[in-house]
Protein backbone atom coordinates (compact mmCIF):
# COMPACT_ATOMS: atom_id res chain seq x y z
CA UNK A 1 -39.64 16.14 18.54
CA UNK A 2 -38.93 19.22 17.87
CA UNK A 3 -35.47 17.07 20.19
CA UNK A 4 -35.42 13.81 17.73
CA UNK A 5 -35.31 16.37 13.86
CA UNK A 6 -32.03 18.92 15.00
CA UNK A 7 -30.70 14.66 16.78
CA UNK A 8 -31.49 13.41 12.84
CA UNK A 9 -30.18 16.88 11.56
CA UNK A 10 -26.42 17.13 14.11
CA UNK A 11 -26.51 13.33 12.76
CA UNK A 12 -26.30 13.55 8.93
CA UNK A 13 -24.72 16.98 9.55
CA UNK A 14 -21.76 13.98 10.52
CA UNK A 15 -22.82 12.04 7.84
CA UNK A 16 -22.36 14.77 5.85
CA UNK A 17 -18.71 15.57 7.31
CA UNK A 18 -17.93 11.46 6.59
CA UNK A 19 -18.91 11.29 3.90
CA UNK A 20 -17.18 15.28 2.38
CA UNK A 21 -13.15 13.58 4.17
CA UNK A 22 -14.30 9.81 2.01
CA UNK A 23 -14.32 11.75 -1.24
CA UNK A 24 -11.97 14.37 -0.68
CA UNK A 25 -9.80 11.92 0.43
CA UNK A 26 -10.47 9.67 -3.19
CA UNK A 27 -9.90 12.50 -5.01
CA UNK A 28 -6.44 13.52 -3.53
CA UNK A 29 -5.09 10.47 -4.21
CA UNK A 30 -6.67 9.28 -8.31
CA UNK A 31 -5.37 13.30 -9.16
CA UNK A 32 -2.02 13.09 -6.95
CA UNK A 33 -1.74 9.09 -7.52
CA UNK A 34 1.45 8.92 -9.11
CA UNK A 35 3.12 12.19 -6.58
CA UNK A 36 1.87 10.36 -3.57
CA UNK A 37 3.39 6.70 -5.09
CA UNK A 38 6.90 8.86 -4.38
CA UNK A 39 5.80 10.46 -1.85
CA UNK A 40 6.43 6.93 -0.26
CA UNK A 41 9.43 5.82 -1.95
CA UNK A 42 11.22 8.29 0.17
CA UNK A 43 10.61 5.98 3.10
CA UNK A 44 14.26 5.02 4.11
CA UNK A 45 16.10 4.21 7.17
CA UNK A 46 16.16 8.13 7.90
CA UNK A 47 13.56 8.20 10.95
CA UNK A 48 13.27 11.75 10.14
CA UNK A 49 11.94 11.15 6.70
CA UNK A 50 9.72 8.50 7.99
CA UNK A 51 7.57 10.71 10.00
CA UNK A 52 7.68 13.57 7.12
CA UNK A 53 6.67 11.18 4.88
CA UNK A 54 3.53 10.31 7.06
CA UNK A 55 2.92 13.85 7.87
CA UNK A 56 2.67 14.76 4.42
CA UNK A 57 0.76 11.72 3.22
CA UNK A 58 -1.55 12.79 5.30
CA UNK A 59 -2.37 16.05 5.31
CA UNK A 60 -3.00 15.11 1.61
CA UNK A 61 -4.94 13.04 1.24
CA UNK A 62 -6.57 14.48 4.84
CA UNK A 63 -7.28 10.97 6.75
CA UNK A 64 -4.43 9.12 9.56
CA UNK A 65 -6.03 6.38 9.51
CA UNK A 66 -6.32 6.02 5.52
CA UNK A 67 -2.67 5.97 5.85
CA UNK A 68 -2.54 3.64 8.51
CA UNK A 69 -4.16 1.34 6.90
CA UNK A 70 -1.81 1.63 3.73
CA UNK A 71 0.94 1.67 6.20
CA UNK A 72 -0.15 -1.82 7.12
CA UNK A 73 -1.03 -3.32 3.72
CA UNK A 74 2.33 -1.64 2.30
CA UNK A 75 4.38 -3.98 5.64
CA UNK A 76 2.09 -7.29 4.94
CA UNK A 77 3.68 -6.68 1.12
CA UNK A 78 6.92 -6.64 2.44
CA UNK A 79 7.21 -2.88 1.05
CA UNK A 80 8.15 -1.41 4.62
CA UNK A 81 10.58 -2.65 7.31
CA UNK A 82 8.53 -2.46 10.83
CA UNK A 83 11.46 0.30 12.16
CA UNK A 84 10.22 2.20 8.69
CA UNK A 85 6.44 1.91 9.18
CA UNK A 86 6.88 3.31 13.10
CA UNK A 87 8.06 6.23 12.07
CA UNK A 88 5.33 7.16 9.38
CA UNK A 89 3.12 6.43 12.22
CA UNK A 90 4.15 9.07 14.27
CA UNK A 91 4.01 11.24 11.88
CA UNK A 92 0.62 10.62 10.27
CA UNK A 93 -0.34 11.18 14.30
CA UNK A 94 0.46 14.91 13.33
CA UNK A 95 -0.99 15.06 9.31
CA UNK A 96 -4.06 14.38 10.66
CA UNK A 97 -3.82 17.97 13.06
CA UNK A 98 -4.47 19.65 9.58
CA UNK A 99 -7.97 18.71 9.46
CA UNK A 100 -8.50 20.68 12.78
CA UNK A 101 -7.05 23.75 11.46
CA UNK A 102 -8.90 23.50 8.40
CA UNK A 103 -12.89 23.28 11.04
CA UNK A 104 -10.91 25.86 13.20
CA UNK A 105 -9.76 28.91 10.80
CA UNK A 106 -12.36 28.52 7.80
CA UNK A 107 -15.12 26.60 9.73
CA UNK A 108 -16.03 28.84 11.72
CA UNK A 109 -14.69 32.24 9.85
CA UNK A 110 -15.83 32.59 6.81
CA UNK A 111 -19.89 31.98 5.79
CA UNK A 112 -19.23 28.33 5.09
CA UNK A 113 -22.47 27.75 2.94
CA UNK A 114 -21.47 30.40 0.83
CA UNK A 115 -17.96 28.38 0.85
CA UNK A 116 -19.71 24.56 0.49
CA UNK A 117 -22.72 25.41 -2.66
CA UNK A 118 -20.16 26.22 -5.04
CA UNK A 119 -17.27 24.03 -4.06
CA UNK A 120 -20.34 21.34 -4.96
CA UNK A 121 -21.32 23.36 -7.47
CA UNK A 122 -17.72 22.86 -9.22
CA UNK A 123 -16.43 19.79 -8.43
CA UNK A 124 -19.96 18.27 -9.89
CA UNK A 125 -19.28 20.12 -13.19
CA UNK A 126 -15.52 19.66 -13.94
CA UNK A 127 -16.36 15.76 -12.43
CA UNK A 128 -18.70 15.57 -15.79
CA UNK A 129 -16.89 15.85 -18.76
CA UNK A 130 -13.65 13.13 -19.64
CA UNK A 131 -10.59 15.73 -19.00
CA UNK A 132 -7.38 15.15 -17.08
CA UNK A 133 -8.57 17.93 -13.96
CA UNK A 134 -11.93 15.48 -13.58
CA UNK A 135 -10.32 14.13 -10.12
CA UNK A 136 -9.83 17.76 -9.21
CA UNK A 137 -13.47 18.36 -9.64
CA UNK A 138 -13.40 14.82 -7.40
CA UNK A 139 -11.51 16.72 -4.24
CA UNK A 140 -14.10 20.25 -5.04
CA UNK A 141 -17.23 18.07 -4.46
CA UNK A 142 -15.79 16.90 -0.81
CA UNK A 143 -14.99 19.42 0.57
CA UNK A 144 -18.39 21.22 -0.34
CA UNK A 145 -19.63 17.84 1.12
CA UNK A 146 -17.29 18.28 4.60
CA UNK A 147 -18.19 22.06 4.69
CA UNK A 148 -22.30 21.39 4.42
CA UNK A 149 -21.99 19.09 7.05
CA UNK A 150 -20.03 21.27 9.46
CA UNK A 151 -22.89 23.54 8.54
CA UNK A 152 -25.39 21.65 9.38
CA UNK A 153 -23.84 20.68 12.59
CA UNK A 154 -23.18 24.57 13.63
CA UNK A 155 -26.53 25.47 12.65
CA UNK A 156 -28.23 22.70 14.60
CA UNK A 157 -26.67 22.68 17.89
CA UNK A 158 -27.52 26.43 19.37
CA UNK A 159 -31.44 25.08 18.17
CA UNK A 160 -30.43 22.47 21.22
CA UNK A 161 -33.12 23.24 24.74
CA UNK A 162 -29.93 23.67 27.40
CA UNK A 163 -31.76 20.60 28.98
CA UNK A 164 -31.02 18.09 26.32
CA UNK A 165 -26.97 19.31 26.59
CA UNK A 166 -26.99 18.52 30.32
CA UNK A 167 -25.88 15.41 29.60
CA UNK A 168 -22.96 16.19 27.86
CA UNK A 169 -22.48 19.84 29.55
CA UNK A 170 -22.15 17.03 32.80
CA UNK A 171 -17.90 16.34 32.32
CA UNK A 172 -17.08 19.47 32.24
CA UNK A 173 -15.71 20.31 35.77
CA UNK A 174 -15.71 18.09 37.26
CA UNK A 175 -12.04 17.24 37.75
CA UNK A 176 -11.01 13.19 37.28
CA UNK A 177 -14.17 12.33 36.52
CA UNK A 178 -14.46 14.54 33.75
CA UNK A 179 -11.16 14.07 32.13
CA UNK A 180 -11.50 9.58 32.69
CA UNK A 181 -15.54 10.53 31.23
CA UNK A 182 -13.46 12.53 28.45
CA UNK A 183 -11.25 9.76 27.27
CA UNK A 184 -13.37 7.27 27.54
CA UNK A 185 -16.52 8.98 25.68
CA UNK A 186 -13.64 10.37 22.55
CA UNK A 187 -12.71 6.53 22.24
CA UNK A 188 -15.74 5.05 22.23
CA UNK A 189 -16.93 7.92 19.78
CA UNK A 190 -14.20 7.31 17.77
CA UNK A 191 -14.33 3.47 17.06
CA UNK A 192 -18.49 3.92 16.82
CA UNK A 193 -17.65 6.49 13.53
CA UNK A 194 -13.88 5.45 12.01
CA UNK A 195 -13.21 8.86 11.65
CA UNK A 196 -11.29 11.23 15.01
CA UNK A 197 -11.75 14.01 12.31
CA UNK A 198 -15.62 13.74 12.71
CA UNK A 199 -15.04 13.25 16.24
CA UNK A 200 -12.57 16.48 16.84
CA UNK A 201 -15.09 18.55 14.62
CA UNK A 202 -18.23 17.52 16.74
CA UNK A 203 -15.96 18.62 19.73
CA UNK A 204 -15.20 21.68 18.45
CA UNK A 205 -18.63 22.74 18.00
CA UNK A 206 -19.66 21.84 21.22
CA UNK A 207 -16.85 24.10 22.45
CA UNK A 208 -17.41 26.73 20.39
CA UNK A 209 -20.99 27.31 20.84
CA UNK A 210 -19.50 26.52 25.19
CA UNK A 211 -21.00 22.97 26.57
CA UNK A 212 -17.96 22.39 27.05
CA UNK A 213 -14.49 23.75 28.29
CA UNK A 214 -11.77 23.70 27.03
CA UNK A 215 -10.01 20.84 29.77
CA UNK A 216 -13.20 18.57 28.95
CA UNK A 217 -12.36 19.53 25.17
CA UNK A 218 -8.87 18.22 25.33
CA UNK A 219 -9.20 15.64 26.98
CA UNK A 220 -11.65 13.85 23.95
CA UNK A 221 -9.50 14.60 22.03
CA UNK A 222 -7.56 12.64 23.71
CA UNK A 223 -9.48 9.83 23.37
CA UNK A 224 -10.27 9.65 19.56
CA UNK A 225 -6.61 9.62 19.23
CA UNK A 226 -6.93 6.52 20.76
CA UNK A 227 -10.40 4.63 18.65
CA UNK A 228 -9.15 6.53 15.23
CA UNK A 229 -6.53 3.19 15.95
CA UNK A 230 -9.45 0.52 15.33
CA UNK A 231 -9.08 1.39 11.83
CA UNK A 232 -5.18 -0.11 11.50
CA UNK A 233 -6.61 -3.25 13.92
CA UNK A 234 -8.73 -4.56 11.17
CA UNK A 235 -7.00 -4.21 8.10
CA UNK A 236 -3.85 -6.29 10.39
CA UNK A 237 -6.37 -8.89 11.35
CA UNK A 238 -5.41 -12.37 9.06
CA UNK A 239 -2.15 -10.57 7.56
CA UNK A 240 1.57 -11.35 8.39
CA UNK A 241 3.01 -10.87 11.64
CA UNK A 242 5.12 -7.87 10.47
CA UNK A 243 1.13 -5.63 9.49
CA UNK A 244 0.26 -7.11 12.56
CA UNK A 245 3.26 -4.84 14.83
CA UNK A 246 2.71 -2.15 13.12
CA UNK A 247 -1.15 -2.29 13.99
CA UNK A 248 0.57 -2.88 17.64
CA UNK A 249 3.21 0.84 17.14
CA UNK A 250 0.23 2.85 16.47
CA UNK A 251 -2.15 1.06 18.57
CA UNK A 252 1.24 1.86 21.25
CA UNK A 253 2.36 5.39 20.58
CA UNK A 254 -1.21 6.07 20.22
CA UNK A 255 -2.52 5.12 23.67
CA UNK A 256 0.82 6.00 25.80
CA UNK A 257 1.01 8.88 24.13
CA UNK A 258 -1.89 10.24 25.58
CA UNK A 259 -1.97 8.91 28.20
CA UNK A 260 1.01 11.57 29.39
CA UNK A 261 -1.09 13.80 27.85
CA UNK A 262 -3.49 12.78 30.37
CA UNK A 263 -1.02 12.57 33.47
CA UNK A 264 0.04 16.17 32.22
CA UNK A 265 -2.19 17.36 31.17
CA UNK A 266 -1.99 21.33 33.00
CA UNK A 267 1.04 21.66 31.54
CA UNK A 268 0.29 20.66 28.37
CA UNK A 269 -2.68 22.81 28.25
CA UNK A 270 -0.74 26.47 29.48
CA UNK A 271 2.08 25.84 26.95
CA UNK A 272 -1.23 25.74 24.74
CA UNK A 273 -2.47 28.98 26.23
CA UNK A 274 0.87 30.34 25.63
CA UNK A 275 1.50 29.77 21.77
CA UNK A 276 -2.34 30.87 21.22
CA UNK A 277 -3.36 33.81 23.27
CA UNK A 278 -6.92 34.41 23.40
CA UNK A 279 -10.68 34.45 25.17
CA UNK A 280 -11.43 30.23 25.66
CA UNK A 281 -14.88 30.76 24.35
CA UNK A 282 -16.09 30.76 20.68
CA UNK A 283 -13.53 30.89 17.65
CA UNK A 284 -11.27 31.02 20.29
CA UNK A 285 -11.92 28.23 21.92
CA UNK A 286 -11.34 26.42 18.35
CA UNK A 287 -7.78 28.13 17.56
CA UNK A 288 -7.06 26.14 20.63
CA UNK A 289 -7.93 23.32 20.45
CA UNK A 290 -6.42 22.62 16.59
CA UNK A 291 -3.47 24.53 19.39
CA UNK A 292 -3.71 21.38 21.42
CA UNK A 293 -4.30 18.41 18.78
CA UNK A 294 -0.93 20.20 16.84
CA UNK A 295 0.55 20.03 20.43
CA UNK A 296 0.00 17.46 21.84
CA UNK A 297 0.96 14.91 18.66
CA UNK A 298 3.85 16.92 17.75
CA UNK A 299 5.41 16.67 21.34
CA UNK A 300 5.23 13.17 21.63
CA UNK A 301 6.64 12.18 18.21
CA UNK A 302 9.37 14.43 19.41
CA UNK A 303 9.65 12.20 22.92
CA UNK A 304 9.23 9.09 21.25
CA UNK A 305 11.69 9.61 17.69
CA UNK A 306 15.04 8.41 19.71
CA UNK A 307 13.16 4.91 20.42
CA UNK A 308 11.98 4.09 17.26
CA UNK A 309 14.15 1.60 16.96
CA UNK A 310 12.82 0.41 20.89
CA UNK A 311 9.46 0.30 19.75
CA UNK A 312 9.59 -1.93 17.20
CA UNK A 313 11.79 -4.35 19.29
CA UNK A 314 8.72 -3.65 21.60
CA UNK A 315 6.25 -4.63 19.49
CA UNK A 316 8.54 -7.87 18.07
CA UNK A 317 8.77 -8.69 21.43
CA UNK A 318 4.59 -8.69 22.09
CA UNK A 319 3.94 -10.34 18.07
CA UNK A 320 6.46 -12.58 17.89
CA UNK A 321 7.02 -14.27 13.77
CA UNK A 322 6.56 -17.72 15.05
CA UNK A 323 7.43 -19.03 10.75
CA UNK A 324 4.42 -19.75 7.98
CA UNK A 325 4.20 -22.64 5.34
CA UNK A 326 4.92 -19.06 3.57
CA UNK A 327 7.77 -21.21 0.83
CA UNK A 328 5.62 -23.38 -0.40
CA UNK A 329 1.84 -21.23 -0.45
CA UNK A 330 1.11 -18.24 -1.91
CA UNK A 331 -1.13 -15.78 0.26
CA UNK A 332 -1.34 -12.00 -0.62
CA UNK A 333 -3.71 -11.04 2.27
CA UNK A 334 -6.11 -7.94 2.63
CA UNK A 335 -9.35 -6.76 3.06
CA UNK A 336 -11.23 -5.85 -0.32
CA UNK A 337 -12.65 -3.09 1.67
CA UNK A 338 -9.84 -2.33 2.87
CA UNK A 339 -8.51 -1.66 -1.06
CA UNK A 340 -11.50 1.12 -0.88
CA UNK A 341 -9.29 3.23 1.34
CA UNK A 342 -6.53 3.93 -0.81
CA UNK A 343 -7.52 3.40 -4.29
CA UNK A 344 -4.60 4.90 -6.71
CA UNK A 345 -1.85 3.06 -3.87
CA UNK A 346 -2.66 -0.19 -4.26
CA UNK A 347 -1.23 -0.45 -7.21
CA UNK A 348 2.46 -0.07 -5.33
CA UNK A 349 1.82 -3.14 -3.30
CA UNK A 350 0.80 -5.14 -7.15
CA UNK A 351 4.03 -3.93 -8.07
CA UNK A 352 5.89 -5.79 -5.24
CA UNK A 353 4.16 -8.34 -5.46
CA UNK A 354 5.25 -9.02 -9.25
CA UNK A 355 8.41 -7.59 -8.12
CA UNK A 356 8.59 -10.78 -6.00
CA UNK A 357 7.23 -13.00 -9.26
CA UNK A 358 9.74 -12.08 -11.46
CA UNK A 359 12.74 -12.56 -9.56
CA UNK A 360 10.93 -16.33 -8.35
CA UNK A 361 11.48 -16.96 -12.18
CA UNK A 362 15.08 -15.58 -12.67
CA UNK A 363 15.17 -18.30 -9.28
CA UNK A 364 14.17 -21.09 -11.76
CA UNK A 365 15.73 -19.52 -15.12
CA UNK A 366 18.94 -19.40 -13.41
CA UNK A 367 18.77 -23.16 -11.59
CA UNK A 368 18.61 -24.06 -15.12
CA UNK A 369 21.16 -22.48 -16.65
CA UNK A 370 23.43 -23.71 -14.02
CA UNK A 371 22.70 -27.48 -14.42
CA UNK A 372 22.19 -27.92 -18.19
CA UNK A 373 25.64 -28.55 -17.99
CA UNK A 374 25.97 -31.58 -15.95
CA UNK A 375 23.61 -33.05 -18.28
CA UNK A 376 25.68 -33.63 -21.74
CA UNK A 377 26.50 -36.82 -22.45
CA UNK A 378 29.41 -38.44 -19.87
CA UNK A 379 32.25 -41.30 -21.10
CA UNK A 380 32.01 -43.43 -17.28
CA UNK A 381 28.81 -45.01 -16.84
CA UNK A 382 29.05 -43.52 -12.46
CA UNK A 383 28.39 -40.13 -13.96
CA UNK A 384 24.68 -41.39 -16.17
CA UNK A 385 23.32 -42.41 -12.87
CA UNK A 386 24.04 -39.37 -10.62
CA UNK A 387 22.70 -37.18 -14.06
CA UNK A 388 18.96 -39.43 -13.12
CA UNK A 389 19.42 -38.31 -9.37
CA UNK A 390 20.19 -34.66 -11.04
CA UNK A 391 17.15 -34.00 -13.30
CA UNK A 392 14.45 -35.38 -10.77
CA UNK A 393 15.39 -33.10 -8.03
CA UNK A 394 15.50 -30.47 -10.84
CA UNK A 395 12.18 -31.05 -11.59
CA UNK A 396 10.87 -31.42 -8.34
CA UNK A 397 12.18 -28.44 -7.56
CA UNK A 398 10.66 -26.69 -10.45
CA UNK A 399 7.19 -27.43 -10.25
CA UNK A 400 7.40 -26.88 -7.08
CA UNK A 401 8.36 -22.92 -7.90
CA UNK A 402 5.77 -23.11 -10.75
CA UNK A 403 3.04 -23.90 -8.48
CA UNK A 404 3.90 -21.52 -6.42
CA UNK A 405 4.11 -18.93 -9.32
CA UNK A 406 0.97 -20.47 -10.51
CA UNK A 407 -0.72 -19.17 -6.71
CA UNK A 408 0.85 -15.88 -7.30
CA UNK A 409 -0.78 -15.25 -10.55
CA UNK A 410 -4.53 -16.14 -9.35
CA UNK A 411 -4.24 -13.78 -5.75
CA UNK A 412 -2.21 -11.10 -7.48
CA UNK A 413 -5.01 -11.56 -10.19
CA UNK A 414 -7.74 -10.86 -7.61
CA UNK A 415 -5.88 -8.88 -5.75
CA UNK A 416 -5.84 -6.18 -9.16
CA UNK A 417 -9.70 -7.32 -10.55
CA UNK A 418 -11.20 -6.05 -6.73
CA UNK A 419 -8.76 -2.62 -7.12
CA UNK A 420 -10.98 -2.47 -10.68
CA UNK A 421 -13.88 -1.77 -8.17
CA UNK A 422 -12.25 1.15 -6.42
CA UNK A 423 -12.82 4.36 -8.31
CA UNK A 424 -9.16 4.83 -9.86
CA UNK A 425 -7.96 7.81 -11.55
CA UNK A 426 -8.39 6.53 -15.97
CA UNK A 427 -4.53 5.64 -15.92
CA UNK A 428 -4.78 3.60 -13.23
CA UNK A 429 -6.96 1.19 -14.64
CA UNK A 430 -4.65 1.14 -17.93
CA UNK A 431 -1.54 0.10 -16.02
CA UNK A 432 -3.43 -1.93 -13.93
CA UNK A 433 -4.73 -3.75 -17.51
CA UNK A 434 -0.54 -3.63 -18.32
CA UNK A 435 -0.05 -5.75 -15.17
CA UNK A 436 -2.62 -7.91 -15.69
CA UNK A 437 0.06 -9.15 -18.84
CA UNK A 438 3.26 -8.76 -17.21
CA UNK A 439 1.32 -11.08 -14.73
CA UNK A 440 0.50 -14.02 -16.94
CA UNK A 441 3.45 -13.46 -19.10
CA UNK A 442 5.87 -14.82 -16.05
CA UNK A 443 3.42 -17.61 -14.86
CA UNK A 444 4.57 -18.47 -19.12
CA UNK A 445 7.94 -18.45 -18.47
CA UNK A 446 7.80 -20.31 -15.59
CA UNK A 447 5.81 -22.45 -17.15
CA UNK A 448 8.44 -22.87 -19.67
CA UNK A 449 11.44 -22.94 -17.09
CA UNK A 450 9.81 -25.95 -15.74
CA UNK A 451 9.11 -26.82 -19.89
CA UNK A 452 13.56 -27.10 -20.06
CA UNK A 453 13.73 -29.31 -16.76
CA UNK A 454 11.48 -31.69 -18.47
CA UNK A 455 13.68 -31.69 -21.27
CA UNK A 456 16.45 -32.04 -19.36
CA UNK A 457 14.67 -35.62 -17.51
CA UNK A 458 13.58 -36.75 -20.93
CA UNK A 459 16.76 -36.85 -22.24
CA UNK A 460 18.31 -38.29 -19.16
CA UNK A 461 16.15 -41.37 -18.69
CA UNK A 462 15.50 -41.87 -22.85
CA UNK A 463 19.41 -41.65 -23.63
CA UNK A 464 19.18 -39.39 -25.27
CA UNK A 465 21.96 -36.73 -23.77
CA UNK A 466 22.71 -34.05 -25.55
CA UNK A 467 27.31 -33.94 -27.04
CA UNK A 468 29.26 -31.48 -24.90
CA UNK A 469 29.12 -29.58 -28.12
CA UNK A 470 25.74 -28.79 -28.24
CA UNK A 471 25.29 -27.33 -25.25
CA UNK A 472 28.73 -25.29 -25.33
CA UNK A 473 27.19 -23.62 -28.42
CA UNK A 474 24.03 -23.10 -26.17
CA UNK A 475 25.38 -21.74 -23.27
CA UNK A 476 25.59 -17.82 -24.86
CA UNK A 477 22.66 -18.58 -26.54
CA UNK A 478 21.72 -19.50 -22.21
CA UNK A 479 23.25 -16.55 -20.91
CA UNK A 480 21.90 -14.14 -23.54
CA UNK A 481 18.83 -14.50 -22.15
CA UNK A 482 19.14 -15.11 -18.33
CA UNK A 483 20.87 -11.51 -19.32
CA UNK A 484 17.60 -9.51 -20.41
CA UNK A 485 15.63 -11.17 -17.55
CA UNK A 486 18.38 -8.89 -15.39
CA UNK A 487 17.42 -6.12 -17.79
CA UNK A 488 13.16 -7.26 -16.95
CA UNK A 489 13.53 -7.74 -12.90
CA UNK A 490 15.36 -4.07 -12.70
CA UNK A 491 12.74 -2.17 -14.46
CA UNK A 492 9.64 -3.63 -12.94
CA UNK A 493 7.33 -0.46 -11.42
CA UNK A 494 8.94 1.64 -13.26
CA UNK A 495 7.48 3.04 -17.00
CA UNK A 496 10.60 2.56 -20.13
CA UNK A 497 11.54 5.41 -22.16
CA UNK A 498 12.11 4.82 -25.76
CA UNK A 499 15.64 4.26 -25.41
CA UNK A 500 15.68 1.71 -22.88
CA UNK A 501 12.21 -0.38 -25.34
CA UNK A 502 14.83 -0.04 -27.88
CA UNK A 503 17.71 -1.51 -26.04
CA UNK A 504 15.11 -3.82 -25.34
CA UNK A 505 14.42 -4.44 -29.14
CA UNK A 506 18.09 -5.06 -29.80
CA UNK A 507 17.97 -7.52 -27.12
CA UNK A 508 15.18 -9.64 -28.86
CA UNK A 509 16.86 -9.41 -31.79
CA UNK A 510 20.36 -11.05 -30.31
CA UNK A 511 18.43 -13.51 -29.25
CA UNK A 512 16.30 -14.86 -32.17
CA UNK A 513 19.72 -14.49 -34.56
CA UNK A 514 21.14 -16.60 -31.44
CA UNK A 515 17.88 -18.47 -31.83
CA UNK A 516 18.27 -19.35 -35.31
CA UNK A 517 22.10 -20.50 -35.38
CA UNK A 518 21.00 -22.95 -33.24
CA UNK A 519 19.18 -24.99 -35.44
CA UNK A 520 20.69 -24.41 -38.50
CA UNK A 521 23.51 -26.28 -36.21
CA UNK A 522 20.71 -28.53 -35.45
CA UNK A 523 20.21 -29.82 -39.44
CA UNK A 524 23.12 -30.11 -40.13
CA UNK A 525 24.24 -32.30 -37.46
CA UNK A 526 20.67 -34.34 -38.63
CA UNK A 527 21.61 -34.35 -41.75
CA UNK A 528 25.53 -35.94 -40.76
CA UNK A 529 23.62 -38.80 -39.20
CA UNK A 530 22.73 -37.47 -35.45
CA UNK A 531 20.24 -38.96 -33.92
CA UNK A 532 16.98 -37.41 -35.07
CA UNK A 533 15.08 -37.90 -31.41
CA UNK A 534 18.05 -36.45 -29.49
CA UNK A 535 18.38 -32.78 -31.63
CA UNK A 536 14.58 -32.49 -31.35
CA UNK A 537 14.25 -33.19 -28.50
CA UNK A 538 17.31 -29.79 -28.12
CA UNK A 539 15.84 -27.75 -30.49
CA UNK A 540 12.42 -27.87 -28.76
CA UNK A 541 14.55 -26.97 -25.87
CA UNK A 542 16.17 -24.46 -27.36
CA UNK A 543 13.03 -23.24 -28.36
CA UNK A 544 11.42 -22.62 -25.02
CA UNK A 545 14.51 -20.93 -23.84
CA UNK A 546 13.86 -18.52 -26.64
CA UNK A 547 10.11 -17.99 -25.70
CA UNK A 548 11.11 -16.77 -22.38
CA UNK A 549 13.19 -13.87 -24.37
CA UNK A 550 9.77 -13.48 -26.17
CA UNK A 551 8.02 -13.06 -22.54
CA UNK A 552 11.08 -10.54 -20.84
CA UNK A 553 10.74 -8.98 -24.74
CA UNK A 554 6.34 -8.97 -23.89
CA UNK A 555 7.12 -6.84 -20.40
CA UNK A 556 9.03 -4.79 -21.18
CA UNK A 557 6.19 -3.82 -24.43
CA UNK A 558 3.78 -3.58 -21.31
CA UNK A 559 6.19 -1.12 -19.31
CA UNK A 560 7.05 1.12 -22.19
CA UNK A 561 2.83 1.26 -22.68
CA UNK A 562 2.46 2.36 -18.45
CA UNK A 563 1.68 5.35 -18.03
């Protein structure tokens, strides 16, 4: 009965440790979300920058799984290339070693409970008031739970009778059998717990108590390194080809690295002993294991970093892009559970997709702008027939693109609403409300582009063609709106400052003045005896185009108000 109670004590300790890791990771992402976004944007084609970025982000969020899941999501969204992601995977493996060092240097050298309870108390009090440091209270709370869980594990293990732990101790001292069994067990435990940090913490606790020798403990850590790839695999289910390729990079890198480490285990252990002198027992063995974890991941990165492009080409060979209907239908692939893994960073993906939506609107408007001159009145009858064919093609294209933007709005709105159900900072929640407004404005702009095409279609089919003078007068107005749309696209994803919003106001005012001038010219033509229906149709088109300028200003204002 006592053995069962101790087993559940250890299980509870592990669960507290895992919960503490989650709270800690979420708290850091909420508190430092903007800085993490800038860190992610640092990623370039430079493989060393990508490795460093992966290391920094993982060391901050204390979870390689969170980083790799985020990577799969960003590659799926087109934010990162496969080559960039490959470098980040390598850096994430190095960054995850910081957890082992925290456990080794703090968990076995100090009175954990003396640190954990004050951290929980202070963290909880910091979370109560609504102030700017509330998220750092979450970080302290996570640290407190993490160390309380570790304390439960450390206090329960010594009370097990030796016979209770014989099956674990059997992994030690049996040659190749011990190595293979430890590798499989480490992988299996990590697959179940979805956390290599929890597996490594348990292994270090067993090694600290003398239940496991250094060699078996080291191989268990290698197994944990393989098992942690499960989160990336799950995140890639149903995702695009590049996202699945990224998950495979993570699997290949960790599996091949672990197999090589098993083959060269003896030299690796000698190197660790040289770098970390001291006894292989008690606190000494935990330091050795932390060093082994670090040396192994650093050497794997050094070994593979010259072959980043080759590794990317290899996974592209295994998982080929067979094409899809992405050009006609929009689908934003994501899993709701994955959003909770990276709460503060999902906005990056949404902003990228919104930029793509703005690109679609800009393409629609450019198509309208280029075609306007083709639909003015002509003296040649054959040209009128050509206009009918051209306008039908234009309307068909506009309707297809407008349907696509409708799908984008639906998917992105659903994605952002799902994001609000995660634990996010107040500024992130506010930014999401601004992004939802921008998405709605972009979709309305697509509707107006389609509306202009329908007006041109009516003009051609009803024989209410516009005069060349009217189209010439319209051209500068069309260009002004196009410039404003380009300005908005350029600044999407970045808050506008006071000077930039003032410039947007000046652009909107110029468009309003040009609209008023075109209206006056239309009224004068009606007074001079021009066809009323044709002139009203022309003014309706001017109104539609001017509305695009209004939406551009609305988006600029939303960007200005974003924090």
